[in-house]
């Protein structure tokens, strides 16, 4: 799964039903049950099940269900040493090519191993992640839409403001033109007043945007 090993070792092929029972735990397990101590060498057992497991490794926390959920204490066991019946099993198949192209081959291999073994919910990790991010992506699209709408309304408002300023100063503009003022000078006069208002808007808008960014980032993860 690509989970980084921090201490000890991981689960290996030599960990069989006839070998000593071993387990690998995550950081959340060590912090919750062992107060952050080095868990390697500690032993534990499952309630209502026989057998004592020795912790042989510590791995980095990882999320399996939803990215927004907190990481729970997790124990990794060799499949042959699991003390309770497994209702369902999830397998990961690594592929260098397009993973979707390998689905028929995976189904064929499973069918050869056990024709009665059902294989369902075959999906890529990209699809799994996408399913957990539906709400966030919808929020991002809506934010982009309303952000673009706000920019459009701001442009329309700026255009209306320029028209209002020109209308109010029609007399002054006519007088300056009669006195020989160039078009560029008149344009600069109008734009100066517009830019002052724009600068005020930027001074208010930028801090508000930064505050909104921090608020939104608090809802994200990673």
Protein backbone atom coordinates (compact mmCIF):
# COMPACT_ATOMS: atom_id res chain seq x y z
CA UNK A 1 0.00 0.00 0.00
CA UNK A 2 3.02 2.28 0.12
CA UNK A 3 2.63 3.02 3.85
CA UNK A 4 5.99 4.14 5.24
CA UNK A 5 7.58 1.83 7.82
CA UNK A 6 8.88 3.87 10.77
CA UNK A 7 10.22 1.20 13.15
CA UNK A 8 10.82 -2.54 13.14
CA UNK A 9 9.62 -4.64 10.22
CA UNK A 10 6.47 -5.25 8.27
CA UNK A 11 4.36 -8.37 7.84
CA UNK A 12 6.33 -11.02 5.92
CA UNK A 13 5.65 -14.35 4.22
CA UNK A 14 7.31 -16.21 7.09
CA UNK A 15 4.52 -15.00 9.42
CA UNK A 16 2.24 -18.03 9.06
CA UNK A 17 -0.38 -19.71 11.22
CA UNK A 18 2.35 -21.90 12.73
CA UNK A 19 4.75 -19.06 13.59
CA UNK A 20 4.58 -16.69 16.58
CA UNK A 21 1.73 -14.20 16.29
CA UNK A 22 2.93 -10.76 15.19
CA UNK A 23 1.35 -7.42 14.40
CA UNK A 24 2.24 -4.05 12.93
CA UNK A 25 0.54 -0.96 14.35
CA UNK A 26 0.17 2.64 13.22
CA UNK A 27 1.13 5.87 14.98
CA UNK A 28 -2.43 6.42 16.23
CA UNK A 29 -2.30 3.03 18.00
CA UNK A 30 1.03 3.86 19.66
CA UNK A 31 -0.18 7.28 20.76
CA UNK A 32 -3.53 6.03 22.06
CA UNK A 33 -2.51 2.84 23.86
CA UNK A 34 1.20 3.35 24.58
CA UNK A 35 1.43 7.12 25.15
CA UNK A 36 3.66 7.52 22.12
CA UNK A 37 6.28 4.99 23.28
CA UNK A 38 8.18 2.73 20.89
CA UNK A 39 5.62 -0.06 20.37
CA UNK A 40 8.04 -2.68 19.03
CA UNK A 41 8.24 -5.57 21.49
CA UNK A 42 4.98 -4.79 23.29
CA UNK A 43 2.29 -7.48 23.37
CA UNK A 44 -1.50 -7.34 23.27
CA UNK A 45 -4.48 -9.59 22.71
CA UNK A 46 -7.96 -9.24 21.23
CA UNK A 47 -10.92 -9.39 23.58
CA UNK A 48 -12.90 -12.66 23.22
CA UNK A 49 -10.14 -14.22 21.07
CA UNK A 50 -7.21 -16.35 22.17
CA UNK A 51 -3.61 -15.56 21.37
CA UNK A 52 -1.09 -12.88 22.27
CA UNK A 53 0.39 -10.76 19.49
CA UNK A 54 3.82 -9.16 19.58
CA UNK A 55 4.21 -5.81 17.87
CA UNK A 56 7.08 -6.05 15.39
CA UNK A 57 6.68 -2.80 13.48
CA UNK A 58 5.33 0.75 13.46
CA UNK A 59 3.98 2.38 10.29
CA UNK A 60 2.84 5.86 9.37
CA UNK A 61 -0.83 6.74 9.81
CA UNK A 62 -2.97 6.18 6.71
CA UNK A 63 -6.62 6.77 5.85
CA UNK A 64 -8.78 4.11 4.22
CA UNK A 65 -12.38 5.34 4.21
CA UNK A 66 -12.84 9.10 3.92
CA UNK A 67 -10.01 11.60 3.76
CA UNK A 68 -11.77 14.03 6.08
CA UNK A 69 -12.08 11.46 8.88
CA UNK A 70 -9.48 11.24 11.63
CA UNK A 71 -7.03 8.32 11.66
CA UNK A 72 -8.07 5.50 14.01
CA UNK A 73 -5.71 3.14 15.88
CA UNK A 74 -5.01 0.38 13.37
CA UNK A 75 -3.48 -3.09 13.63
CA UNK A 76 -2.06 -4.96 10.63
CA UNK A 77 -1.98 -8.77 10.93
CA UNK A 78 -0.79 -11.57 8.64
CA UNK A 79 -3.93 -12.92 6.99
CA UNK A 80 -3.16 -16.43 8.28
CA UNK A 81 -3.07 -15.15 11.89
CA UNK A 82 -6.35 -13.22 11.95
CA UNK A 83 -8.26 -14.62 14.97
CA UNK A 84 -11.76 -13.86 13.68
CA UNK A 85 -13.59 -14.84 10.47
CA UNK A 86 -13.19 -12.48 7.52
CA UNK A 87 -16.52 -11.52 5.97
CA UNK A 88 -14.84 -9.76 3.07
CA UNK A 89 -11.29 -9.22 1.88
CA UNK A 90 -9.83 -6.33 -0.09
CA UNK A 91 -6.88 -6.88 -2.42
CA UNK A 92 -4.64 -4.29 -4.01
CA UNK A 93 -3.16 -4.97 -7.45
CA UNK A 94 -0.28 -2.75 -8.51
CA UNK A 95 0.00 -2.04 -12.22
CA UNK A 96 2.51 -0.21 -14.39
CA UNK A 97 -0.02 0.00 -17.24
CA UNK A 98 -3.64 1.15 -17.24
CA UNK A 99 -5.17 -0.65 -14.21
CA UNK A 100 -8.58 -0.89 -15.88
CA UNK A 101 -7.07 -3.04 -18.62
CA UNK A 102 -6.01 -5.61 -15.99
CA UNK A 103 -9.48 -6.20 -14.55
CA UNK A 104 -10.31 -9.14 -16.88
CA UNK A 105 -6.96 -10.77 -16.01
CA UNK A 106 -7.58 -10.32 -12.27
CA UNK A 107 -11.04 -11.85 -12.59
CA UNK A 108 -9.60 -14.80 -14.50
CA UNK A 109 -6.93 -15.45 -11.85
CA UNK A 110 -9.50 -15.30 -9.03
CA UNK A 111 -11.80 -17.64 -10.96
CA UNK A 112 -8.94 -20.11 -11.42
CA UNK A 113 -8.24 -20.06 -7.67
CA UNK A 114 -11.87 -20.46 -6.63
CA UNK A 115 -14.75 -20.30 -9.09
CA UNK A 116 -17.20 -19.70 -6.21
CA UNK A 117 -15.31 -16.68 -4.89
CA UNK A 118 -17.26 -13.51 -5.78
CA UNK A 119 -15.28 -10.50 -6.95
CA UNK A 120 -17.09 -7.18 -6.66
CA UNK A 121 -16.47 -3.44 -6.39
CA UNK A 122 -13.38 -3.50 -8.58
CA UNK A 123 -12.13 0.07 -8.83
CA UNK A 124 -8.93 2.06 -9.02
CA UNK A 125 -7.56 4.07 -6.12
CA UNK A 126 -8.16 7.19 -8.20
CA UNK A 127 -11.86 6.31 -8.34
CA UNK A 128 -11.94 5.61 -4.61
CA UNK A 129 -10.38 8.98 -3.82
CA UNK A 130 -12.75 10.72 -6.24
CA UNK A 131 -15.74 9.18 -4.42
CA UNK A 132 -14.56 10.66 -1.11
CA UNK A 133 -14.02 14.12 -2.64
CA UNK A 134 -17.45 14.64 -4.21
CA UNK A 135 -18.50 17.24 -1.63
CA UNK A 136 -15.18 19.12 -1.79
CA UNK A 137 -15.14 19.19 -5.59
CA UNK A 138 -18.73 20.41 -5.74
CA UNK A 139 -17.82 23.16 -3.28
CA UNK A 140 -14.78 24.07 -5.41
CA UNK A 141 -16.87 24.27 -8.59
CA UNK A 142 -19.50 26.42 -6.90
CA UNK A 143 -16.79 28.66 -5.46
CA UNK A 144 -15.22 29.07 -8.91
CA UNK A 145 -18.61 29.85 -10.45
CA UNK A 146 -19.54 32.46 -7.87
CA UNK A 147 -15.99 33.86 -7.95
CA UNK A 148 -16.25 34.34 -11.72
CA UNK A 149 -19.71 35.86 -11.30
CA UNK A 150 -18.32 38.27 -8.70
CA UNK A 151 -15.53 39.33 -11.09
CA UNK A 152 -18.08 39.89 -13.87
CA UNK A 153 -20.28 42.00 -11.59
CA UNK A 154 -17.23 43.96 -10.46
CA UNK A 155 -16.31 44.70 -14.08
CA UNK A 156 -19.86 45.80 -14.84
CA UNK A 157 -19.85 47.98 -11.73
CA UNK A 158 -16.52 49.51 -12.70
CA UNK A 159 -17.84 50.27 -16.17
CA UNK A 160 -20.93 51.88 -14.66
CA UNK A 161 -18.77 53.89 -12.26
CA UNK A 162 -16.67 55.22 -15.11
CA UNK A 163 -19.83 56.19 -16.99
CA UNK A 164 -21.18 57.95 -13.90
CA UNK A 165 -17.95 59.90 -13.40
CA UNK A 166 -17.86 60.94 -17.04
CA UNK A 167 -21.52 62.01 -16.91
CA UNK A 168 -20.94 64.14 -13.80
CA UNK A 169 -17.88 65.79 -15.32
CA UNK A 170 -19.26 66.35 -18.80
CA UNK A 171 -19.12 70.11 -18.30
CA UNK A 172 -15.57 70.03 -16.97
CA UNK A 173 -14.46 67.74 -19.77
CA UNK A 174 -16.02 70.04 -22.36
CA UNK A 175 -14.32 73.06 -20.81
CA UNK A 176 -10.93 71.32 -20.74
CA UNK A 177 -11.38 70.29 -24.37
CA UNK A 178 -12.21 73.86 -25.31
CA UNK A 179 -9.07 75.05 -23.55
CA UNK A 180 -6.99 72.62 -25.59
CA UNK A 181 -6.65 69.63 -23.30
CA UNK A 182 -5.57 66.44 -25.04
CA UNK A 183 -7.75 63.32 -25.01
CA UNK A 184 -5.06 61.46 -23.10
CA UNK A 185 -5.11 64.10 -20.36
CA UNK A 186 -8.89 63.86 -20.03
CA UNK A 187 -8.70 60.07 -19.95
CA UNK A 188 -6.02 60.21 -17.25
CA UNK A 189 -8.18 62.57 -15.17
CA UNK A 190 -11.11 60.15 -15.26
CA UNK A 191 -8.95 57.09 -14.61
CA UNK A 192 -7.28 58.67 -11.57
CA UNK A 193 -10.61 58.91 -9.80
CA UNK A 194 -11.55 55.39 -10.82
CA UNK A 195 -8.20 53.98 -9.67
CA UNK A 196 -8.56 55.63 -6.26
CA UNK A 197 -11.81 53.75 -5.74
CA UNK A 198 -10.26 50.55 -7.10
CA UNK A 199 -7.32 50.92 -4.67
CA UNK A 200 -9.74 51.30 -1.78
CA UNK A 201 -11.55 48.17 -2.92
CA UNK A 202 -8.27 46.24 -3.13
CA UNK A 203 -7.27 47.36 0.38
CA UNK A 204 -10.53 45.98 1.73
CA UNK A 205 -10.81 42.95 -0.57
CA UNK A 206 -7.32 41.47 -0.22
CA UNK A 207 -7.44 41.05 3.60
CA UNK A 208 -10.98 39.67 3.29
CA UNK A 209 -9.81 37.18 0.63
CA UNK A 210 -6.87 36.07 2.80
CA UNK A 211 -9.19 35.56 5.76
CA UNK A 212 -11.58 33.55 3.59
CA UNK A 213 -8.67 31.44 2.30
CA UNK A 214 -7.64 30.53 5.84
CA UNK A 215 -11.24 29.69 6.71
CA UNK A 216 -11.58 27.41 3.67
CA UNK A 217 -8.20 25.76 4.28
CA UNK A 218 -9.38 24.73 7.75
CA UNK A 219 -11.94 22.46 6.07
CA UNK A 220 -9.29 20.74 3.93
CA UNK A 221 -6.87 17.98 4.87
CA UNK A 222 -3.32 16.92 4.14
